[in-house]
Amino acid sequence: MDADGRQTGESPGTQERREQVSTAEKSPLLHSIADTGTQLGGTSRSRVYELIAADELEVVSIGRRTFVTGDSLAAYVDRLRGKAPPAGD
Protein backbone atom coordinates (compact mmCIF):
# COMPACT_ATOMS: atom_id res chain seq x y z
CA MET A 1 0.00 0.00 0.00
CA ASP A 2 1.12 3.52 -0.66
CA ALA A 3 0.68 6.65 1.49
CA ASP A 4 -2.85 7.23 0.12
CA GLY A 5 -4.08 3.80 1.25
CA ARG A 6 -4.09 2.40 -2.30
CA GLN A 7 -2.57 -0.89 -3.24
CA THR A 8 0.63 -0.46 -5.23
CA GLY A 9 -0.16 0.13 -8.92
CA GLU A 10 -3.84 0.89 -8.27
CA SER A 11 -5.35 3.85 -10.12
CA PRO A 12 -6.76 6.74 -8.03
CA GLY A 13 -10.39 6.00 -8.92
CA THR A 14 -10.21 2.30 -8.02
CA GLN A 15 -10.52 2.86 -4.27
CA GLU A 16 -13.56 5.11 -4.77
CA ARG A 17 -15.25 2.52 -6.99
CA ARG A 18 -14.50 -0.21 -4.44
CA GLU A 19 -16.12 1.90 -1.70
CA GLN A 20 -19.20 2.53 -3.88
CA VAL A 21 -19.61 -1.19 -4.55
CA SER A 22 -19.14 -1.94 -0.86
CA THR A 23 -21.80 0.62 0.09
CA ALA A 24 -24.22 -0.72 -2.51
CA GLU A 25 -23.78 -4.23 -1.14
CA LYS A 26 -24.69 -3.00 2.34
CA SER A 27 -27.72 -0.97 1.28
CA PRO A 28 -30.15 -2.67 -1.10
CA LEU A 29 -31.84 -0.45 -3.66
CA LEU A 30 -35.26 -1.90 -2.87
CA HIS A 31 -36.86 -3.28 0.29
CA SER A 32 -39.99 -5.41 0.56
CA ILE A 33 -42.76 -4.08 2.77
CA ALA A 34 -41.91 -6.66 5.45
CA ASP A 35 -38.18 -5.82 5.25
CA THR A 36 -38.97 -2.12 5.51
CA GLY A 37 -40.86 -2.77 8.74
CA THR A 38 -37.90 -4.76 10.05
CA GLN A 39 -35.50 -1.97 9.05
CA LEU A 40 -37.69 0.47 11.00
CA GLY A 41 -37.30 -1.45 14.23
CA GLY A 42 -40.12 -3.94 13.80
CA THR A 43 -42.73 -1.51 12.53
CA SER A 44 -45.90 -3.28 11.37
CA ARG A 45 -46.85 -3.73 7.72
CA SER A 46 -49.89 -1.54 8.37
CA ARG A 47 -47.68 1.30 9.61
CA VAL A 48 -45.39 0.93 6.59
CA TYR A 49 -48.42 1.28 4.30
CA GLU A 50 -49.52 4.35 6.31
CA LEU A 51 -46.08 5.90 5.74
CA ILE A 52 -46.39 5.16 2.03
CA ALA A 53 -49.87 6.75 1.90
CA ALA A 54 -48.50 9.82 3.70
CA ASP A 55 -45.72 10.11 1.06
CA GLU A 56 -43.07 9.51 3.71
CA LEU A 57 -41.73 6.50 1.76
CA GLU A 58 -41.39 6.13 -2.01
CA VAL A 59 -42.40 2.86 -3.62
CA VAL A 60 -41.88 1.14 -6.94
CA SER A 61 -43.73 -1.86 -8.32
CA ILE A 62 -42.24 -4.81 -10.12
CA GLY A 63 -45.00 -7.01 -11.38
CA ARG A 64 -47.41 -7.42 -8.50
CA ARG A 65 -44.81 -6.70 -5.82
CA THR A 66 -44.32 -3.36 -4.11
CA PHE A 67 -40.93 -2.24 -2.85
CA VAL A 68 -39.76 0.75 -0.83
CA THR A 69 -36.71 2.48 -2.30
CA GLY A 70 -33.58 2.41 -0.19
CA ASP A 71 -33.07 6.15 -0.72
CA SER A 72 -36.52 7.02 0.60
CA LEU A 73 -36.04 4.73 3.61
CA ALA A 74 -32.72 6.41 4.44
CA ALA A 75 -34.26 9.87 3.91
CA TYR A 76 -37.15 9.01 6.24
CA VAL A 77 -34.75 7.93 8.98
CA ASP A 78 -32.73 11.12 8.43
CA ARG A 79 -35.92 13.17 8.84
CA LEU A 80 -36.67 11.31 12.06
CA ARG A 81 -33.19 12.21 13.27
CA GLY A 82 -33.71 15.85 12.26
CA LYS A 83 -31.05 15.81 9.54
CA ALA A 84 -33.20 16.39 6.46
CA PRO A 85 -36.06 18.66 5.42
CA PRO A 86 -39.63 17.28 5.40
CA ALA A 87 -40.74 15.21 2.40
CA GLY A 88 -41.81 17.29 -0.58
CA ASP A 89 -39.42 20.17 0.08
C-alpha atoms as a PDB file:
ATOM      1  CA  MET A   1       0.000   0.000   0.000  1.00  0.00           C
ATOM      2  CA  ASP A   2       1.124   3.524  -0.660  1.00  0.00           C
ATOM      3  CA  ALA A   3       0.683   6.645   1.488  1.00  0.00           C
ATOM      4  CA  ASP A   4      -2.852   7.230   0.125  1.00  0.00           C
ATOM      5  CA  GLY A   5      -4.081   3.801   1.247  1.00  0.00           C
ATOM      6  CA  ARG A   6      -4.091   2.404  -2.302  1.00  0.00           C
ATOM      7  CA  GLN A   7      -2.574  -0.890  -3.239  1.00  0.00           C
ATOM      8  CA  THR A   8       0.625  -0.463  -5.235  1.00  0.00           C
ATOM      9  CA  GLY A   9      -0.162   0.130  -8.919  1.00  0.00           C
ATOM     10  CA  GLU A  10      -3.840   0.886  -8.273  1.00  0.00           C
ATOM     11  CA  SER A  11      -5.346   3.852 -10.124  1.00  0.00           C
ATOM     12  CA  PRO A  12      -6.758   6.740  -8.025  1.00  0.00           C
ATOM     13  CA  GLY A  13     -10.395   5.995  -8.915  1.00  0.00           C
ATOM     14  CA  THR A  14     -10.214   2.298  -8.019  1.00  0.00           C
ATOM     15  CA  GLN A  15     -10.523   2.856  -4.268  1.00  0.00           C
ATOM     16  CA  GLU A  16     -13.555   5.112  -4.770  1.00  0.00           C
ATOM     17  CA  ARG A  17     -15.250   2.524  -6.990  1.00  0.00           C
ATOM     18  CA  ARG A  18     -14.500  -0.210  -4.439  1.00  0.00           C
ATOM     19  CA  GLU A  19     -16.120   1.898  -1.702  1.00  0.00           C
ATOM     20  CA  GLN A  20     -19.203   2.532  -3.883  1.00  0.00           C
ATOM     21  CA  VAL A  21     -19.613  -1.189  -4.550  1.00  0.00           C
ATOM     22  CA  SER A  22     -19.137  -1.941  -0.858  1.00  0.00           C
ATOM     23  CA  THR A  23     -21.796   0.617   0.085  1.00  0.00           C
ATOM     24  CA  ALA A  24     -24.224  -0.725  -2.513  1.00  0.00           C
ATOM     25  CA  GLU A  25     -23.782  -4.230  -1.139  1.00  0.00           C
ATOM     26  CA  LYS A  26     -24.685  -3.003   2.343  1.00  0.00           C
ATOM     27  CA  SER A  27     -27.721  -0.968   1.279  1.00  0.00           C
ATOM     28  CA  PRO A  28     -30.152  -2.672  -1.096  1.00  0.00           C
ATOM     29  CA  LEU A  29     -31.837  -0.448  -3.657  1.00  0.00           C
ATOM     30  CA  LEU A  30     -35.258  -1.903  -2.865  1.00  0.00           C
ATOM     31  CA  HIS A  31     -36.855  -3.283   0.293  1.00  0.00           C
ATOM     32  CA  SER A  32     -39.986  -5.408   0.559  1.00  0.00           C
ATOM     33  CA  ILE A  33     -42.762  -4.084   2.770  1.00  0.00           C
ATOM     34  CA  ALA A  34     -41.907  -6.661   5.451  1.00  0.00           C
ATOM     35  CA  ASP A  35     -38.185  -5.822   5.252  1.00  0.00           C
ATOM     36  CA  THR A  36     -38.971  -2.122   5.510  1.00  0.00           C
ATOM     37  CA  GLY A  37     -40.862  -2.768   8.743  1.00  0.00           C
ATOM     38  CA  THR A  38     -37.904  -4.758  10.047  1.00  0.00           C
ATOM     39  CA  GLN A  39     -35.498  -1.969   9.053  1.00  0.00           C
ATOM     40  CA  LEU A  40     -37.690   0.467  11.001  1.00  0.00           C
ATOM     41  CA  GLY A  41     -37.298  -1.448  14.226  1.00  0.00           C
ATOM     42  CA  GLY A  42     -40.117  -3.942  13.803  1.00  0.00           C
ATOM     43  CA  THR A  43     -42.732  -1.512  12.531  1.00  0.00           C
ATOM     44  CA  SER A  44     -45.903  -3.279  11.368  1.00  0.00           C
ATOM     45  CA  ARG A  45     -46.845  -3.730   7.715  1.00  0.00           C
ATOM     46  CA  SER A  46     -49.888  -1.542   8.372  1.00  0.00           C
ATOM     47  CA  ARG A  47     -47.684   1.297   9.614  1.00  0.00           C
ATOM     48  CA  VAL A  48     -45.388   0.934   6.591  1.00  0.00           C
ATOM     49  CA  TYR A  49     -48.416   1.282   4.305  1.00  0.00           C
ATOM     50  CA  GLU A  50     -49.517   4.354   6.306  1.00  0.00           C
ATOM     51  CA  LEU A  51     -46.076   5.899   5.744  1.00  0.00           C
ATOM     52  CA  ILE A  52     -46.390   5.164   2.025  1.00  0.00           C
ATOM     53  CA  ALA A  53     -49.867   6.746   1.899  1.00  0.00           C
ATOM     54  CA  ALA A  54     -48.502   9.819   3.702  1.00  0.00           C
ATOM     55  CA  ASP A  55     -45.725  10.110   1.060  1.00  0.00           C
ATOM     56  CA  GLU A  56     -43.068   9.510   3.706  1.00  0.00           C
ATOM     57  CA  LEU A  57     -41.734   6.504   1.760  1.00  0.00           C
ATOM     58  CA  GLU A  58     -41.395   6.131  -2.011  1.00  0.00           C
ATOM     59  CA  VAL A  59     -42.404   2.859  -3.625  1.00  0.00           C
ATOM     60  CA  VAL A  60     -41.884   1.139  -6.939  1.00  0.00           C
ATOM     61  CA  SER A  61     -43.730  -1.856  -8.321  1.00  0.00           C
ATOM     62  CA  ILE A  62     -42.240  -4.813 -10.122  1.00  0.00           C
ATOM     63  CA  GLY A  63     -45.001  -7.008 -11.383  1.00  0.00           C
ATOM     64  CA  ARG A  64     -47.415  -7.423  -8.498  1.00  0.00           C
ATOM     65  CA  ARG A  65     -44.814  -6.703  -5.819  1.00  0.00           C
ATOM     66  CA  THR A  66     -44.320  -3.359  -4.114  1.00  0.00           C
ATOM     67  CA  PHE A  67     -40.931  -2.239  -2.854  1.00  0.00           C
ATOM     68  CA  VAL A  68     -39.765   0.749  -0.825  1.00  0.00           C
ATOM     69  CA  THR A  69     -36.714   2.477  -2.296  1.00  0.00           C
ATOM     70  CA  GLY A  70     -33.583   2.407  -0.193  1.00  0.00           C
ATOM     71  CA  ASP A  71     -33.073   6.147  -0.721  1.00  0.00           C
ATOM     72  CA  SER A  72     -36.524   7.019   0.603  1.00  0.00           C
ATOM     73  CA  LEU A  73     -36.042   4.730   3.612  1.00  0.00           C
ATOM     74  CA  ALA A  74     -32.721   6.413   4.436  1.00  0.00           C
ATOM     75  CA  ALA A  75     -34.260   9.872   3.910  1.00  0.00           C
ATOM     76  CA  TYR A  76     -37.151   9.009   6.238  1.00  0.00           C
ATOM     77  CA  VAL A  77     -34.749   7.927   8.978  1.00  0.00           C
ATOM     78  CA  ASP A  78     -32.725  11.116   8.430  1.00  0.00           C
ATOM     79  CA  ARG A  79     -35.919  13.173   8.837  1.00  0.00           C
ATOM     80  CA  LEU A  80     -36.669  11.313  12.064  1.00  0.00           C
ATOM     81  CA  ARG A  81     -33.187  12.213  13.270  1.00  0.00           C
ATOM     82  CA  GLY A  82     -33.706  15.848  12.259  1.00  0.00           C
ATOM     83  CA  LYS A  83     -31.051  15.809   9.538  1.00  0.00           C
ATOM     84  CA  ALA A  84     -33.199  16.389   6.458  1.00  0.00           C
ATOM     85  CA  PRO A  85     -36.056  18.663   5.420  1.00  0.00           C
ATOM     86  CA  PRO A  86     -39.633  17.283   5.401  1.00  0.00           C
ATOM     87  CA  ALA A  87     -40.740  15.213   2.405  1.00  0.00           C
ATOM     88  CA  GLY A  88     -41.814  17.286  -0.584  1.00  0.00           C
ATOM     89  CA  ASP A  89     -39.420  20.170   0.078  1.00  0.00           C
END
